[in-house]
PDB file of N, CA and C in Angstrom:
ATOM      1  N   MET A   1      28.066   2.728  37.139  1.00  0.00           N
ATOM      2  CA  MET A   1      27.608   1.967  36.053  1.00  0.00           C
ATOM      3  C   MET A   1      28.526   0.735  35.734  1.00  0.00           C
ATOM      4  N   GLU A   2      27.801  -0.385  35.626  1.00  0.00           N
ATOM      5  CA  GLU A   2      28.508  -1.614  35.261  1.00  0.00           C
ATOM      6  C   GLU A   2      29.021  -1.553  33.788  1.00  0.00           C
ATOM      7  N   ARG A   3      30.017  -2.235  33.500  1.00  0.00           N
ATOM      8  CA  ARG A   3      30.623  -2.273  32.125  1.00  0.00           C
ATOM      9  C   ARG A   3      29.589  -2.728  31.233  1.00  0.00           C
ATOM     10  N   ALA A   4      28.764  -3.757  31.523  1.00  0.00           N
ATOM     11  CA  ALA A   4      27.755  -4.222  30.577  1.00  0.00           C
ATOM     12  C   ALA A   4      26.818  -3.157  30.293  1.00  0.00           C
ATOM     13  N   ASP A   5      26.337  -2.351  31.306  1.00  0.00           N
ATOM     14  CA  ASP A   5      25.479  -1.289  30.950  1.00  0.00           C
ATOM     15  C   ASP A   5      26.107  -0.182  30.043  1.00  0.00           C
ATOM     16  N   GLU A   6      27.408   0.087  30.318  1.00  0.00           N
ATOM     17  CA  GLU A   6      27.998   0.972  29.463  1.00  0.00           C
ATOM     18  C   GLU A   6      28.093   0.558  28.043  1.00  0.00           C
ATOM     19  N   VAL A   7      28.387  -0.696  27.768  1.00  0.00           N
ATOM     20  CA  VAL A   7      28.423  -1.320  26.486  1.00  0.00           C
ATOM     21  C   VAL A   7      26.923  -1.077  25.837  1.00  0.00           C
ATOM     22  N   ALA A   8      26.004  -1.446  26.647  1.00  0.00           N
ATOM     23  CA  ALA A   8      24.540  -1.439  26.135  1.00  0.00           C
ATOM     24  C   ALA A   8      24.121   0.018  25.658  1.00  0.00           C
ATOM     25  N   THR A   9      24.520   0.808  26.499  1.00  0.00           N
ATOM     26  CA  THR A   9      24.248   2.301  26.141  1.00  0.00           C
ATOM     27  C   THR A   9      25.079   2.792  25.007  1.00  0.00           C
ATOM     28  N   ALA A  10      26.297   2.454  24.840  1.00  0.00           N
ATOM     29  CA  ALA A  10      27.062   2.766  23.655  1.00  0.00           C
ATOM     30  C   ALA A  10      26.405   2.152  22.414  1.00  0.00           C
ATOM     31  N   ALA A  11      25.995   0.990  22.496  1.00  0.00           N
ATOM     32  CA  ALA A  11      25.353   0.356  21.243  1.00  0.00           C
ATOM     33  C   ALA A  11      24.046   0.901  20.906  1.00  0.00           C
ATOM     34  N   SER A  12      23.297   1.475  22.000  1.00  0.00           N
ATOM     35  CA  SER A  12      21.938   2.134  21.778  1.00  0.00           C
ATOM     36  C   SER A  12      22.253   3.535  21.151  1.00  0.00           C
ATOM     37  N   ASP A  13      23.370   4.105  21.539  1.00  0.00           N
ATOM     38  CA  ASP A  13      23.756   5.435  20.959  1.00  0.00           C
ATOM     39  C   ASP A  13      24.163   5.303  19.571  1.00  0.00           C
ATOM     40  N   CYS A  14      24.943   4.149  19.061  1.00  0.00           N
ATOM     41  CA  CYS A  14      25.244   3.880  17.873  1.00  0.00           C
ATOM     42  C   CYS A  14      23.994   3.624  16.819  1.00  0.00           C
ATOM     43  N   VAL A  15      22.988   2.901  17.365  1.00  0.00           N
ATOM     44  CA  VAL A  15      21.812   2.628  16.563  1.00  0.00           C
ATOM     45  C   VAL A  15      21.105   4.003  16.405  1.00  0.00           C
ATOM     46  N   TYR A  16      20.949   4.769  17.480  1.00  0.00           N
ATOM     47  CA  TYR A  16      20.309   6.055  17.332  1.00  0.00           C
ATOM     48  C   TYR A  16      21.054   6.930  16.315  1.00  0.00           C
ATOM     49  N   ALA A  17      22.409   6.946  16.347  1.00  0.00           N
ATOM     50  CA  ALA A  17      23.021   7.824  15.556  1.00  0.00           C
ATOM     51  C   ALA A  17      22.921   7.437  14.074  1.00  0.00           C
ATOM     52  N   ALA A  18      22.904   6.011  13.762  1.00  0.00           N
ATOM     53  CA  ALA A  18      22.817   5.476  12.414  1.00  0.00           C
ATOM     54  C   ALA A  18      21.431   5.772  11.917  1.00  0.00           C
ATOM     55  N   MET A  19      20.375   5.737  12.868  1.00  0.00           N
ATOM     56  CA  MET A  19      19.006   5.920  12.469  1.00  0.00           C
ATOM     57  C   MET A  19      18.913   7.418  12.041  1.00  0.00           C
ATOM     58  N   THR A  20      19.283   8.416  12.787  1.00  0.00           N
ATOM     59  CA  THR A  20      19.146   9.844  12.480  1.00  0.00           C
ATOM     60  C   THR A  20      20.080  10.203  11.252  1.00  0.00           C
ATOM     61  N   ARG A  21      21.228   9.467  10.988  1.00  0.00           N
ATOM     62  CA  ARG A  21      21.901   9.790   9.830  1.00  0.00           C
ATOM     63  C   ARG A  21      21.265   9.320   8.570  1.00  0.00           C
ATOM     64  N   ALA A  22      20.514   8.276   8.753  1.00  0.00           N
ATOM     65  CA  ALA A  22      19.781   7.679   7.632  1.00  0.00           C
ATOM     66  C   ALA A  22      18.521   8.423   7.399  1.00  0.00           C
ATOM     67  N   GLY A  23      18.152   9.265   8.259  1.00  0.00           N
ATOM     68  CA  GLY A  23      16.846  10.023   8.140  1.00  0.00           C
ATOM     69  C   GLY A  23      15.614   9.234   8.474  1.00  0.00           C
ATOM     70  N   LEU A  24      15.760   8.100   9.279  1.00  0.00           N
ATOM     71  CA  LEU A  24      14.777   7.241   9.622  1.00  0.00           C
ATOM     72  C   LEU A  24      14.113   7.565  10.876  1.00  0.00           C
ATOM     73  N   SER A  25      12.832   7.352  11.020  1.00  0.00           N
ATOM     74  CA  SER A  25      11.931   7.398  12.226  1.00  0.00           C
ATOM     75  C   SER A  25      12.138   6.105  12.940  1.00  0.00           C
ATOM     76  N   ILE A  26      11.684   6.058  14.060  1.00  0.00           N
ATOM     77  CA  ILE A  26      11.591   4.701  14.726  1.00  0.00           C
ATOM     78  C   ILE A  26      10.747   3.708  14.018  1.00  0.00           C
ATOM     79  N   SER A  27       9.630   4.192  13.608  1.00  0.00           N
ATOM     80  CA  SER A  27       8.693   3.339  12.915  1.00  0.00           C
ATOM     81  C   SER A  27       9.262   2.804  11.504  1.00  0.00           C
ATOM     82  N   GLU A  28       9.877   3.674  10.851  1.00  0.00           N
ATOM     83  CA  GLU A  28      10.597   3.215   9.588  1.00  0.00           C
ATOM     84  C   GLU A  28      11.703   2.308   9.763  1.00  0.00           C
ATOM     85  N   LEU A  29      12.517   2.534  10.876  1.00  0.00           N
ATOM     86  CA  LEU A  29      13.672   1.637  11.221  1.00  0.00           C
ATOM     87  C   LEU A  29      13.003   0.221  11.625  1.00  0.00           C
ATOM     88  N   ALA A  30      11.946   0.123  12.434  1.00  0.00           N
ATOM     89  CA  ALA A  30      11.282  -0.986  12.683  1.00  0.00           C
ATOM     90  C   ALA A  30      10.800  -1.808  11.466  1.00  0.00           C
ATOM     91  N   GLU A  31      10.201  -1.046  10.606  1.00  0.00           N
ATOM     92  CA  GLU A  31       9.791  -1.663   9.300  1.00  0.00           C
ATOM     93  C   GLU A  31      10.820  -2.312   8.500  1.00  0.00           C
ATOM     94  N   LYS A  32      12.004  -1.462   8.429  1.00  0.00           N
ATOM     95  CA  LYS A  32      13.051  -1.945   7.501  1.00  0.00           C
ATOM     96  C   LYS A  32      13.766  -3.115   8.227  1.00  0.00           C
ATOM     97  N   SER A  33      13.830  -3.123   9.487  1.00  0.00           N
ATOM     98  CA  SER A  33      14.625  -4.238  10.143  1.00  0.00           C
ATOM     99  C   SER A  33      13.826  -5.437  10.466  1.00  0.00           C
ATOM    100  N   GLY A  34      12.424  -5.298  10.486  1.00  0.00           N
ATOM    101  CA  GLY A  34      11.727  -6.417  10.896  1.00  0.00           C
ATOM    102  C   GLY A  34      11.621  -6.657  12.418  1.00  0.00           C
ATOM    103  N   ILE A  35      11.936  -5.659  13.136  1.00  0.00           N
ATOM    104  CA  ILE A  35      11.894  -5.747  14.566  1.00  0.00           C
ATOM    105  C   ILE A  35      10.742  -4.835  15.060  1.00  0.00           C
ATOM    106  N   ALA A  36       9.913  -5.329  15.962  1.00  0.00           N
ATOM    107  CA  ALA A  36       8.853  -4.513  16.400  1.00  0.00           C
ATOM    108  C   ALA A  36       8.994  -3.232  16.949  1.00  0.00           C
ATOM    109  N   ARG A  37       8.196  -2.232  16.575  1.00  0.00           N
ATOM    110  CA  ARG A  37       8.404  -0.863  16.859  1.00  0.00           C
ATOM    111  C   ARG A  37       8.684  -0.517  18.262  1.00  0.00           C
ATOM    112  N   PRO A  38       7.915  -1.140  19.218  1.00  0.00           N
ATOM    113  CA  PRO A  38       8.173  -0.960  20.614  1.00  0.00           C
ATOM    114  C   PRO A  38       9.610  -1.391  20.991  1.00  0.00           C
ATOM    115  N   MET A  39      10.039  -2.450  20.562  1.00  0.00           N
ATOM    116  CA  MET A  39      11.460  -2.895  20.853  1.00  0.00           C
ATOM    117  C   MET A  39      12.381  -1.843  20.377  1.00  0.00           C
ATOM    118  N   VAL A  40      12.279  -1.486  19.031  1.00  0.00           N
ATOM    119  CA  VAL A  40      13.141  -0.500  18.456  1.00  0.00           C
ATOM    120  C   VAL A  40      13.235   0.847  19.312  1.00  0.00           C
ATOM    121  N   SER A  41      12.066   1.188  19.723  1.00  0.00           N
ATOM    122  CA  SER A  41      11.921   2.373  20.611  1.00  0.00           C
ATOM    123  C   SER A  41      12.660   2.275  21.779  1.00  0.00           C
ATOM    124  N   MET A  42      12.501   1.121  22.453  1.00  0.00           N
ATOM    125  CA  MET A  42      13.313   0.905  23.759  1.00  0.00           C
ATOM    126  C   MET A  42      14.909   0.792  23.587  1.00  0.00           C
ATOM    127  N   ILE A  43      15.206   0.221  22.283  1.00  0.00           N
ATOM    128  CA  ILE A  43      16.668   0.225  22.013  1.00  0.00           C
ATOM    129  C   ILE A  43      17.234   1.508  21.863  1.00  0.00           C
ATOM    130  N   VAL A  44      16.482   2.334  20.998  1.00  0.00           N
ATOM    131  CA  VAL A  44      17.278   3.555  20.629  1.00  0.00           C
ATOM    132  C   VAL A  44      17.194   4.675  21.729  1.00  0.00           C
ATOM    133  N   ASN A  45      16.262   4.367  22.774  1.00  0.00           N
ATOM    134  CA  ASN A  45      16.077   5.229  23.911  1.00  0.00           C
ATOM    135  C   ASN A  45      16.829   4.593  25.082  1.00  0.00           C
ATOM    136  N   ALA A  46      17.702   3.590  24.805  1.00  0.00           N
ATOM    137  CA  ALA A  46      18.619   2.952  25.847  1.00  0.00           C
ATOM    138  C   ALA A  46      17.836   2.492  27.111  1.00  0.00           C
ATOM    139  N   LYS A  47      16.646   1.931  26.879  1.00  0.00           N
ATOM    140  CA  LYS A  47      15.827   1.383  27.864  1.00  0.00           C
ATOM    141  C   LYS A  47      15.724  -0.165  28.101  1.00  0.00           C
ATOM    142  N   LYS A  48      16.491  -0.693  26.926  1.00  0.00           N
ATOM    143  CA  LYS A  48      16.503  -2.219  26.813  1.00  0.00           C
ATOM    144  C   LYS A  48      17.833  -2.623  26.393  1.00  0.00           C
ATOM    145  N   LYS A  49      18.285  -3.629  27.022  1.00  0.00           N
ATOM    146  CA  LYS A  49      19.445  -4.313  26.542  1.00  0.00           C
ATOM    147  C   LYS A  49      19.045  -5.230  25.408  1.00  0.00           C
ATOM    148  N   PHE A  50      20.005  -5.517  24.420  1.00  0.00           N
ATOM    149  CA  PHE A  50      19.541  -6.305  23.244  1.00  0.00           C
ATOM    150  C   PHE A  50      20.751  -7.007  22.732  1.00  0.00           C
ATOM    151  N   ARG A  51      20.561  -8.077  21.818  1.00  0.00           N
ATOM    152  CA  ARG A  51      21.586  -9.064  21.487  1.00  0.00           C
ATOM    153  C   ARG A  51      22.455  -8.364  20.428  1.00  0.00           C
ATOM    154  N   VAL A  52      23.559  -8.951  20.176  1.00  0.00           N
ATOM    155  CA  VAL A  52      24.528  -8.456  19.207  1.00  0.00           C
ATOM    156  C   VAL A  52      23.950  -8.583  17.816  1.00  0.00           C
ATOM    157  N   ASP A  53      23.260  -9.688  17.590  1.00  0.00           N
ATOM    158  CA  ASP A  53      22.644  -9.839  16.282  1.00  0.00           C
ATOM    159  C   ASP A  53      21.539  -8.699  15.890  1.00  0.00           C
ATOM    160  N   THR A  54      20.851  -8.404  17.050  1.00  0.00           N
ATOM    161  CA  THR A  54      19.876  -7.232  16.840  1.00  0.00           C
ATOM    162  C   THR A  54      20.597  -5.961  16.532  1.00  0.00           C
ATOM    163  N   PHE A  55      21.771  -5.779  17.105  1.00  0.00           N
ATOM    164  CA  PHE A  55      22.690  -4.548  16.851  1.00  0.00           C
ATOM    165  C   PHE A  55      22.886  -4.573  15.282  1.00  0.00           C
ATOM    166  N   PHE A  56      23.417  -5.680  14.816  1.00  0.00           N
ATOM    167  CA  PHE A  56      23.749  -5.762  13.446  1.00  0.00           C
ATOM    168  C   PHE A  56      22.660  -5.600  12.417  1.00  0.00           C
ATOM    169  N   ILE A  57      21.613  -6.082  12.646  1.00  0.00           N
ATOM    170  CA  ILE A  57      20.247  -6.024  11.883  1.00  0.00           C
ATOM    171  C   ILE A  57      19.834  -4.508  11.880  1.00  0.00           C
ATOM    172  N   LEU A  58      19.950  -3.835  13.053  1.00  0.00           N
ATOM    173  CA  LEU A  58      19.430  -2.404  13.090  1.00  0.00           C
ATOM    174  C   LEU A  58      20.336  -1.496  12.344  1.00  0.00           C
ATOM    175  N   ILE A  59      21.822  -1.714  12.638  1.00  0.00           N
ATOM    176  CA  ILE A  59      22.788  -0.937  11.904  1.00  0.00           C
ATOM    177  C   ILE A  59      22.668  -1.079  10.376  1.00  0.00           C
ATOM    178  N   GLU A  60      22.501  -2.393   9.886  1.00  0.00           N
ATOM    179  CA  GLU A  60      22.388  -2.633   8.480  1.00  0.00           C
ATOM    180  C   GLU A  60      21.085  -2.149   7.944  1.00  0.00           C
ATOM    181  N   ALA A  61      19.855  -1.996   8.649  1.00  0.00           N
ATOM    182  CA  ALA A  61      18.726  -1.516   8.207  1.00  0.00           C
ATOM    183  C   ALA A  61      18.800   0.021   7.929  1.00  0.00           C
ATOM    184  N   CYS A  62      19.861   0.549   8.619  1.00  0.00           N
ATOM    185  CA  CYS A  62      20.097   2.047   8.439  1.00  0.00           C
ATOM    186  C   CYS A  62      21.020   2.293   7.222  1.00  0.00           C
ATOM    187  N   GLY A  63      21.480   1.244   6.615  1.00  0.00           N
ATOM    188  CA  GLY A  63      22.288   1.352   5.471  1.00  0.00           C
ATOM    189  C   GLY A  63      23.773   1.591   5.824  1.00  0.00           C
ATOM    190  N   GLN A  64      24.071   1.164   7.085  1.00  0.00           N
ATOM    191  CA  GLN A  64      25.406   1.314   7.592  1.00  0.00           C
ATOM    192  C   GLN A  64      26.038   0.002   7.741  1.00  0.00           C
ATOM    193  N   GLU A  65      27.359   0.004   8.166  1.00  0.00           N
ATOM    194  CA  GLU A  65      28.058  -1.353   8.294  1.00  0.00           C
ATOM    195  C   GLU A  65      28.904  -1.473   9.555  1.00  0.00           C
ATOM    196  N   VAL A  66      28.890  -2.640  10.108  1.00  0.00           N
ATOM    197  CA  VAL A  66      29.716  -2.892  11.274  1.00  0.00           C
ATOM    198  C   VAL A  66      30.907  -3.739  10.957  1.00  0.00           C
ATOM    199  N   MET A  67      32.072  -3.219  11.173  1.00  0.00           N
ATOM    200  CA  MET A  67      33.319  -3.999  10.978  1.00  0.00           C
ATOM    201  C   MET A  67      33.887  -4.338  12.358  1.00  0.00           C
ATOM    202  N   THR A  68      34.184  -5.759  12.302  1.00  0.00           N
ATOM    203  CA  THR A  68      34.790  -6.341  13.556  1.00  0.00           C
ATOM    204  C   THR A  68      36.252  -6.669  13.337  1.00  0.00           C
ATOM    205  N   ARG A  69      36.882  -6.564  14.443  1.00  0.00           N
ATOM    206  CA  ARG A  69      38.449  -6.869  14.429  1.00  0.00           C
ATOM    207  C   ARG A  69      38.615  -7.567  15.705  1.00  0.00           C
ATOM    208  N   LYS A  70      38.750  -8.954  15.662  1.00  0.00           N
ATOM    209  CA  LYS A  70      39.016  -9.614  16.996  1.00  0.00           C
ATOM    210  C   LYS A  70      38.055  -9.218  17.883  1.00  0.00           C
ATOM    211  N   ARG A  71      38.334  -8.551  19.123  1.00  0.00           N
ATOM    212  CA  ARG A  71      37.439  -8.412  20.181  1.00  0.00           C
ATOM    213  C   ARG A  71      36.856  -6.936  20.111  1.00  0.00           C
ATOM    214  N   ARG A  72      37.417  -6.080  19.157  1.00  0.00           N
ATOM    215  CA  ARG A  72      37.030  -4.701  19.118  1.00  0.00           C
ATOM    216  C   ARG A  72      36.088  -4.564  17.879  1.00  0.00           C
ATOM    217  N   VAL A  73      34.998  -3.884  18.102  1.00  0.00           N
ATOM    218  CA  VAL A  73      34.063  -3.415  17.175  1.00  0.00           C
ATOM    219  C   VAL A  73      34.278  -2.013  16.628  1.00  0.00           C
ATOM    220  N   THR A  74      34.402  -1.721  15.392  1.00  0.00           N
ATOM    221  CA  THR A  74      34.369  -0.444  14.882  1.00  0.00           C
ATOM    222  C   THR A  74      33.157  -0.110  14.184  1.00  0.00           C
ATOM    223  N   TYR A  75      32.542   1.007  14.462  1.00  0.00           N
ATOM    224  CA  TYR A  75      31.372   1.463  13.844  1.00  0.00           C
ATOM    225  C   TYR A  75      31.852   2.473  12.729  1.00  0.00           C
ATOM    226  N   ARG A  76      31.346   2.176  11.489  1.00  0.00           N
ATOM    227  CA  ARG A  76      31.870   2.971  10.410  1.00  0.00           C
ATOM    228  C   ARG A  76      30.764   3.490   9.696  1.00  0.00           C
ATOM    229  N   VAL A  77      30.629   4.817   9.404  1.00  0.00           N
ATOM    230  CA  VAL A  77      29.596   5.484   8.610  1.00  0.00           C
ATOM    231  C   VAL A  77      30.058   5.459   7.223  1.00  0.00           C
ATOM    232  N   ARG A  78      29.205   5.067   6.335  1.00  0.00           N
ATOM    233  CA  ARG A  78      29.527   5.147   4.905  1.00  0.00           C
ATOM    234  C   ARG A  78      29.352   6.561   4.306  1.00  0.00           C
TER     235      ARG A  78
END
């Protein structure tokens, strides 16, 4: 697996974890984030790569926060 694929999978895993911790369904996350349901489904199921800004939108829609430090991103659960 290429490094980019590993990063994309890890990001999808983070979105999925945030969604389940928040008790949201895919449809609810789509509504809260303003991102189309089919796209959210593909993201949380690691079937689609997505942009960093989309990652931030989805995590924040789950009521979570992403903290960045230089090149490393730390995912923090409130």
